[in-house]
Amino acid sequence: MLQLLQVFYNVITPILLIAALGFTLDHKFKLNTRSLSQIIIYLASPALVLTSISRTTLISQKLQQIVFFTAAVMGSMAVIGWGLASLLGLGKKLKSAFALSVTLLNAGNFGIPFIVFAFGQDALGVAVIVYATTAIVANTLGIFLASSGSASVKNSLTNIVKVPLPYAVALGLLVNFGVFALPAPVGRGLELLGQAAVPLMLVVLGAQLARVKIEKQLPLIALAGSMKVLFAPVLGYFLARLMGFSGQTASIAIIQTSMPTAVISMILAEEFGSEAKFVSGVVMFSTLLSFLSLSVLLTLLGG
């Protein structure tokens, strides 16, 4: 019990404090979260990913395993979520919202800060690879789910092309493999920019949660949120064992894929005509529940 409280105090509390600042600021000033999100998506996050991957000591095979593991967990959750929603007899829009909310995970705004506070800067390499994978999945499988299968492959690919994160991954790998080196001023500038990503992510998370309202469908919201933060860790654990993951890499990968529902799922639901209010409710519920579930998970995995 003491260890669990220490984990909550040392890892969760810093995240809560910064997110609470975003929550409070949004109530007082009505922050322009879209502009802040664009800074994260187009500047700070790619810089963090590029610099982290360029320095990672992960060998190519392990990197591929982490990408496959992340995609496998998310794909499995999508299938399970869609199947359960069908068994429950949910309507088309609500079915897509249910599957979307149990599939997309907050490996960026929540996951990266959590991993850094729990394991230190050395763990950033694995964390950003998981995050980069989830971002690509969100712009393909996420769009498909949000639109109930009406989104074309062309539209999904167009969204990937527009976002700089995949290019940051590619450039980071090229630097890591020694194909070319970044000029010192460029590298330092990117590193400084990347350092802004984590606090900005938490401020935006808090601001976005300030706008969420759970109006109805609480039992279904609770079911989806519980699946996201309670069932996903079990699935991740067995997949990690199946793939031969061990040590800190296994812990980070499992924890990252056990994050609450991603805020991007709310945006996709709104954009592609799914049940946005339901998804917003799951984001709020799963985030609150994850403060406890992630503390327990980190304690069990020995973070």
Protein backbone atom coordinates (compact mmCIF):
# COMPACT_ATOMS: atom_id res chain seq x y z
CA MET A 1 0.00 0.00 0.00
CA LEU A 2 2.85 2.37 0.88
CA GLN A 3 4.52 1.68 -2.47
CA LEU A 4 1.24 2.41 -4.28
CA LEU A 5 0.92 5.75 -2.48
CA GLN A 6 4.53 6.60 -3.33
CA VAL A 7 3.88 5.87 -7.01
CA PHE A 8 0.77 8.06 -6.97
CA TYR A 9 2.61 10.88 -5.20
CA ASN A 10 5.78 10.79 -7.32
CA VAL A 11 4.30 10.03 -10.76
CA ILE A 12 0.60 10.92 -10.85
CA THR A 13 0.73 14.08 -8.72
CA PRO A 14 3.02 16.08 -11.08
CA ILE A 15 0.74 15.16 -14.00
CA LEU A 16 -2.36 16.17 -12.03
CA LEU A 17 -0.83 19.50 -11.01
CA ILE A 18 0.04 20.58 -14.55
CA ALA A 19 -3.25 19.29 -16.00
CA ALA A 20 -5.09 21.13 -13.20
CA LEU A 21 -3.39 24.36 -14.29
CA GLY A 22 -4.69 23.80 -17.82
CA PHE A 23 -8.14 23.00 -16.42
CA THR A 24 -8.16 26.20 -14.32
CA LEU A 25 -6.76 28.43 -17.05
CA ASP A 26 -9.40 27.22 -19.49
CA HIS A 27 -12.18 28.02 -17.03
CA LYS A 28 -10.80 31.52 -16.51
CA PHE A 29 -9.51 32.48 -19.97
CA LYS A 30 -11.13 29.99 -22.40
CA LEU A 31 -7.84 28.89 -23.92
CA ASN A 32 -7.52 28.43 -27.66
CA THR A 33 -6.86 24.70 -27.40
CA ARG A 34 -6.85 24.29 -31.17
CA SER A 35 -3.86 26.62 -31.52
CA LEU A 36 -2.08 24.94 -28.62
CA SER A 37 -2.79 21.53 -30.14
CA GLN A 38 -1.41 22.70 -33.48
CA ILE A 39 1.81 23.81 -31.77
CA ILE A 40 2.07 20.33 -30.25
CA ILE A 41 1.17 18.45 -33.43
CA TYR A 42 3.21 20.47 -35.91
CA LEU A 43 6.18 21.68 -33.83
CA ALA A 44 6.85 20.38 -30.33
CA SER A 45 5.77 16.76 -30.74
CA PRO A 46 7.69 16.11 -34.01
CA ALA A 47 10.77 17.73 -32.45
CA LEU A 48 10.48 15.49 -29.39
CA VAL A 49 10.01 12.38 -31.54
CA LEU A 50 12.89 13.23 -33.89
CA THR A 51 15.42 13.98 -31.15
CA SER A 52 14.35 11.02 -28.99
CA ILE A 53 14.49 8.47 -31.81
CA SER A 54 17.79 9.87 -33.11
CA ARG A 55 19.35 9.14 -29.70
CA THR A 56 17.64 5.85 -28.86
CA THR A 57 19.85 2.80 -28.38
CA LEU A 58 17.09 0.38 -29.37
CA ILE A 59 18.18 -2.03 -32.07
CA SER A 60 16.13 -2.17 -35.26
CA GLN A 61 14.47 -5.50 -34.42
CA LYS A 62 13.26 -4.29 -31.01
CA LEU A 63 11.97 -1.07 -32.55
CA GLN A 64 9.92 -3.08 -35.05
CA GLN A 65 8.61 -5.26 -32.22
CA ILE A 66 7.42 -2.20 -30.27
CA VAL A 67 5.61 -0.84 -33.32
CA PHE A 68 3.97 -4.23 -33.99
CA PHE A 69 3.06 -4.67 -30.31
CA THR A 70 1.37 -1.27 -30.14
CA ALA A 71 -0.56 -1.80 -33.37
CA ALA A 72 -1.57 -5.31 -32.24
CA VAL A 73 -2.96 -4.07 -28.91
CA MET A 74 -4.92 -1.26 -30.59
CA GLY A 75 -6.17 -3.52 -33.40
CA SER A 76 -7.29 -6.16 -30.91
CA MET A 77 -9.11 -3.58 -28.81
CA ALA A 78 -10.87 -2.31 -31.94
CA VAL A 79 -12.10 -5.80 -32.85
CA ILE A 80 -13.18 -6.58 -29.27
CA GLY A 81 -14.87 -3.19 -28.88
CA TRP A 82 -16.74 -3.51 -32.18
CA GLY A 83 -17.78 -7.07 -31.35
CA LEU A 84 -19.03 -6.19 -27.87
CA ALA A 85 -20.92 -3.16 -29.21
CA SER A 86 -22.59 -5.43 -31.77
CA LEU A 87 -23.56 -7.94 -29.07
CA LEU A 88 -25.07 -5.10 -27.03
CA GLY A 89 -27.16 -4.12 -30.05
CA LEU A 90 -25.89 -0.55 -30.20
CA GLY A 91 -26.85 1.67 -33.12
CA LYS A 92 -24.42 2.36 -35.94
CA LYS A 93 -23.09 5.68 -34.60
CA LEU A 94 -22.88 4.54 -31.00
CA LYS A 95 -21.18 1.30 -32.07
CA SER A 96 -18.47 3.25 -33.91
CA ALA A 97 -18.06 5.59 -30.91
CA PHE A 98 -17.72 2.64 -28.51
CA ALA A 99 -15.08 0.94 -30.66
CA LEU A 100 -13.23 4.23 -31.19
CA SER A 101 -13.11 5.03 -27.48
CA VAL A 102 -11.63 1.66 -26.48
CA THR A 103 -9.09 1.68 -29.32
CA LEU A 104 -7.33 5.05 -29.32
CA LEU A 105 -5.06 5.69 -26.34
CA ASN A 106 -3.50 8.81 -24.87
CA ALA A 107 0.16 7.87 -25.33
CA GLY A 108 1.08 11.52 -25.97
CA ASN A 109 -0.57 14.01 -23.60
CA PHE A 110 -0.65 11.51 -20.73
CA GLY A 111 1.60 8.61 -21.67
CA ILE A 112 4.88 10.41 -22.36
CA PRO A 113 4.80 12.51 -19.15
CA PHE A 114 3.83 9.44 -17.12
CA ILE A 115 6.70 7.36 -18.52
CA VAL A 116 9.23 10.18 -18.01
CA PHE A 117 8.18 10.70 -14.38
CA ALA A 118 8.11 6.95 -13.71
CA PHE A 119 11.24 5.76 -15.53
CA GLY A 120 13.29 8.88 -16.34
CA GLN A 121 14.53 10.40 -19.59
CA ASP A 122 16.21 7.14 -20.67
CA ALA A 123 12.76 5.63 -21.21
CA LEU A 124 11.73 8.34 -23.67
CA GLY A 125 12.86 6.35 -26.73
CA VAL A 126 10.37 3.51 -26.22
CA ALA A 127 7.63 5.93 -25.13
CA VAL A 128 7.83 8.09 -28.26
CA ILE A 129 7.90 5.06 -30.57
CA VAL A 130 4.64 3.87 -29.00
CA TYR A 131 3.26 7.40 -29.30
CA ALA A 132 4.27 7.72 -32.96
CA THR A 133 2.61 4.39 -33.72
CA THR A 134 -0.62 5.40 -31.97
CA ALA A 135 -0.70 8.67 -33.93
CA ILE A 136 -0.50 6.83 -37.25
CA VAL A 137 -3.14 4.29 -36.15
CA ALA A 138 -5.40 7.17 -35.06
CA ASN A 139 -5.20 8.71 -38.54
CA THR A 140 -6.10 5.45 -40.28
CA LEU A 141 -8.01 2.95 -38.13
CA GLY A 142 -9.33 5.81 -35.96
CA ILE A 143 -10.87 7.59 -38.95
CA PHE A 144 -12.34 4.30 -40.19
CA LEU A 145 -14.00 3.65 -36.83
CA ALA A 146 -15.21 7.22 -36.36
CA SER A 147 -16.92 7.21 -39.74
CA SER A 148 -18.41 3.71 -39.30
CA GLY A 149 -16.45 2.42 -42.25
CA SER A 150 -17.34 5.26 -44.63
CA ALA A 151 -13.87 6.84 -44.67
CA SER A 152 -11.92 5.92 -47.77
CA VAL A 153 -8.34 4.68 -47.78
CA LYS A 154 -7.47 7.83 -49.73
CA ASN A 155 -8.79 10.09 -46.96
CA SER A 156 -6.91 8.15 -44.29
CA LEU A 157 -3.65 8.36 -46.21
CA THR A 158 -4.19 12.07 -46.88
CA ASN A 159 -4.43 12.73 -43.14
CA ILE A 160 -1.17 10.86 -42.52
CA VAL A 161 0.59 12.89 -45.22
CA LYS A 162 -0.54 16.16 -43.64
CA VAL A 163 0.87 15.38 -40.19
CA PRO A 164 4.66 15.85 -39.75
CA LEU A 165 5.05 13.14 -37.12
CA PRO A 166 5.74 10.23 -39.55
CA TYR A 167 8.42 12.36 -41.23
CA ALA A 168 9.95 13.07 -37.82
CA VAL A 169 10.08 9.33 -37.16
CA ALA A 170 11.79 8.72 -40.52
CA LEU A 171 14.33 11.52 -40.01
CA GLY A 172 15.05 10.35 -36.47
CA LEU A 173 15.76 6.84 -37.73
CA LEU A 174 18.07 8.14 -40.48
CA VAL A 175 20.05 10.14 -37.92
CA ASN A 176 20.10 7.17 -35.55
CA PHE A 177 21.41 4.86 -38.28
CA GLY A 178 24.15 7.35 -39.16
CA VAL A 179 22.87 8.21 -42.65
CA PHE A 180 23.40 11.89 -41.83
CA ALA A 181 23.89 14.12 -38.80
CA LEU A 182 21.92 17.17 -37.77
CA PRO A 183 23.92 20.42 -37.64
CA ALA A 184 24.55 21.35 -34.00
CA PRO A 185 22.37 24.51 -34.01
CA VAL A 186 19.47 22.57 -35.60
CA GLY A 187 19.81 19.73 -33.12
CA ARG A 188 19.88 22.09 -30.13
CA GLY A 189 16.91 24.04 -31.45
CA LEU A 190 14.89 20.86 -31.95
CA GLU A 191 15.83 19.59 -28.50
CA LEU A 192 14.69 22.86 -26.91
CA LEU A 193 11.44 22.75 -28.89
CA GLY A 194 10.86 19.12 -27.95
CA GLN A 195 11.21 19.94 -24.25
CA ALA A 196 8.09 22.09 -24.55
CA ALA A 197 5.99 19.12 -25.70
CA VAL A 198 5.37 17.38 -22.37
CA PRO A 199 4.16 20.39 -20.33
CA LEU A 200 2.11 21.67 -23.28
CA MET A 201 0.47 18.25 -23.68
CA LEU A 202 -0.60 18.25 -20.03
CA VAL A 203 -1.91 21.82 -20.14
CA VAL A 204 -3.98 20.98 -23.23
CA LEU A 205 -5.23 17.75 -21.62
CA GLY A 206 -6.45 19.70 -18.59
CA ALA A 207 -8.08 22.37 -20.77
CA GLN A 208 -9.85 19.77 -22.91
CA LEU A 209 -11.10 17.85 -19.86
CA ALA A 210 -12.56 21.13 -18.54
CA ARG A 211 -14.94 21.12 -21.50
CA VAL A 212 -16.14 17.53 -21.20
CA LYS A 213 -19.67 16.94 -19.91
CA ILE A 214 -21.08 13.50 -19.11
CA GLU A 215 -24.78 13.98 -19.77
CA LYS A 216 -26.15 10.46 -20.25
CA GLN A 217 -25.30 6.80 -21.01
CA LEU A 218 -23.15 6.57 -17.88
CA PRO A 219 -23.26 2.72 -17.62
CA LEU A 220 -22.06 2.37 -21.23
CA ILE A 221 -19.44 5.08 -20.71
CA ALA A 222 -18.23 3.25 -17.60
CA LEU A 223 -18.04 -0.03 -19.53
CA ALA A 224 -15.97 1.48 -22.36
CA GLY A 225 -13.72 3.39 -19.97
CA SER A 226 -13.14 0.33 -17.80
CA MET A 227 -12.28 -1.77 -20.86
CA LYS A 228 -9.74 0.85 -21.89
CA VAL A 229 -7.81 1.07 -18.63
CA LEU A 230 -8.52 -2.30 -17.00
CA PHE A 231 -8.75 -4.84 -19.84
CA ALA A 232 -6.11 -3.33 -22.16
CA PRO A 233 -3.29 -3.86 -19.59
CA VAL A 234 -4.16 -7.56 -19.37
CA LEU A 235 -4.16 -7.87 -23.15
CA GLY A 236 -0.89 -5.93 -23.35
CA TYR A 237 0.73 -8.13 -20.70
CA PHE A 238 -0.02 -11.38 -22.52
CA LEU A 239 0.99 -9.94 -25.91
CA ALA A 240 4.25 -8.70 -24.41
CA ARG A 241 4.99 -12.16 -23.00
CA LEU A 242 4.08 -13.76 -26.32
CA MET A 243 6.53 -11.46 -28.13
CA GLY A 244 9.31 -12.07 -25.63
CA PHE A 245 9.45 -8.56 -24.15
CA SER A 246 11.19 -8.30 -20.79
CA GLY A 247 12.51 -5.78 -18.29
CA GLN A 248 11.89 -2.07 -18.59
CA THR A 249 10.98 -2.23 -22.28
CA ALA A 250 8.08 -4.56 -21.46
CA SER A 251 6.92 -2.36 -18.59
CA ILE A 252 6.96 0.81 -20.68
CA ALA A 253 5.18 -0.82 -23.64
CA ILE A 254 2.47 -2.32 -21.42
CA ILE A 255 1.92 0.91 -19.49
CA GLN A 256 1.83 3.06 -22.63
CA THR A 257 -0.85 0.86 -24.20
CA SER A 258 -2.85 1.00 -20.94
CA MET A 259 -3.37 4.75 -21.14
CA PRO A 260 -6.90 6.24 -21.06
CA THR A 261 -8.89 7.09 -24.17
CA ALA A 262 -7.14 9.64 -26.37
CA VAL A 263 -8.46 13.19 -26.69
CA ILE A 264 -8.02 12.86 -30.48
CA SER A 265 -10.93 10.38 -30.43
CA MET A 266 -13.26 13.26 -29.47
CA ILE A 267 -12.04 15.29 -32.44
CA LEU A 268 -12.43 12.37 -34.86
CA ALA A 269 -15.91 11.57 -33.55
CA GLU A 270 -16.99 15.17 -34.10
CA GLU A 271 -15.38 15.41 -37.53
CA PHE A 272 -16.75 12.15 -38.94
CA GLY A 273 -20.25 12.12 -37.47
CA SER A 274 -19.90 9.64 -34.60
CA GLU A 275 -21.32 10.10 -31.07
CA ALA A 276 -18.89 12.81 -29.90
CA LYS A 277 -20.58 13.37 -26.51
CA PHE A 278 -20.33 9.67 -25.68
CA VAL A 279 -16.63 9.60 -26.62
CA SER A 280 -16.03 12.74 -24.53
CA GLY A 281 -17.59 10.99 -21.56
CA VAL A 282 -15.31 7.98 -22.01
CA VAL A 283 -12.27 10.27 -22.21
CA MET A 284 -13.20 11.86 -18.88
CA PHE A 285 -14.15 8.59 -17.14
CA SER A 286 -11.12 6.61 -18.35
CA THR A 287 -8.72 9.45 -17.48
CA LEU A 288 -10.02 9.70 -13.91
CA LEU A 289 -10.00 5.91 -13.48
CA SER A 290 -6.47 5.67 -14.91
CA PHE A 291 -5.01 7.68 -12.04
CA LEU A 292 -5.67 4.64 -9.87
CA SER A 293 -5.22 1.87 -12.46
CA LEU A 294 -1.86 3.17 -13.70
CA SER A 295 -0.58 3.58 -10.14
CA VAL A 296 -1.45 -0.06 -9.44
CA LEU A 297 0.00 -1.22 -12.78
CA LEU A 298 3.28 0.63 -12.25
CA THR A 299 3.56 -0.83 -8.75
CA LEU A 300 2.96 -4.37 -10.07
CA LEU A 301 5.44 -3.95 -12.93
CA GLY A 302 8.07 -2.52 -10.63
CA GLY A 303 8.53 0.98 -12.07
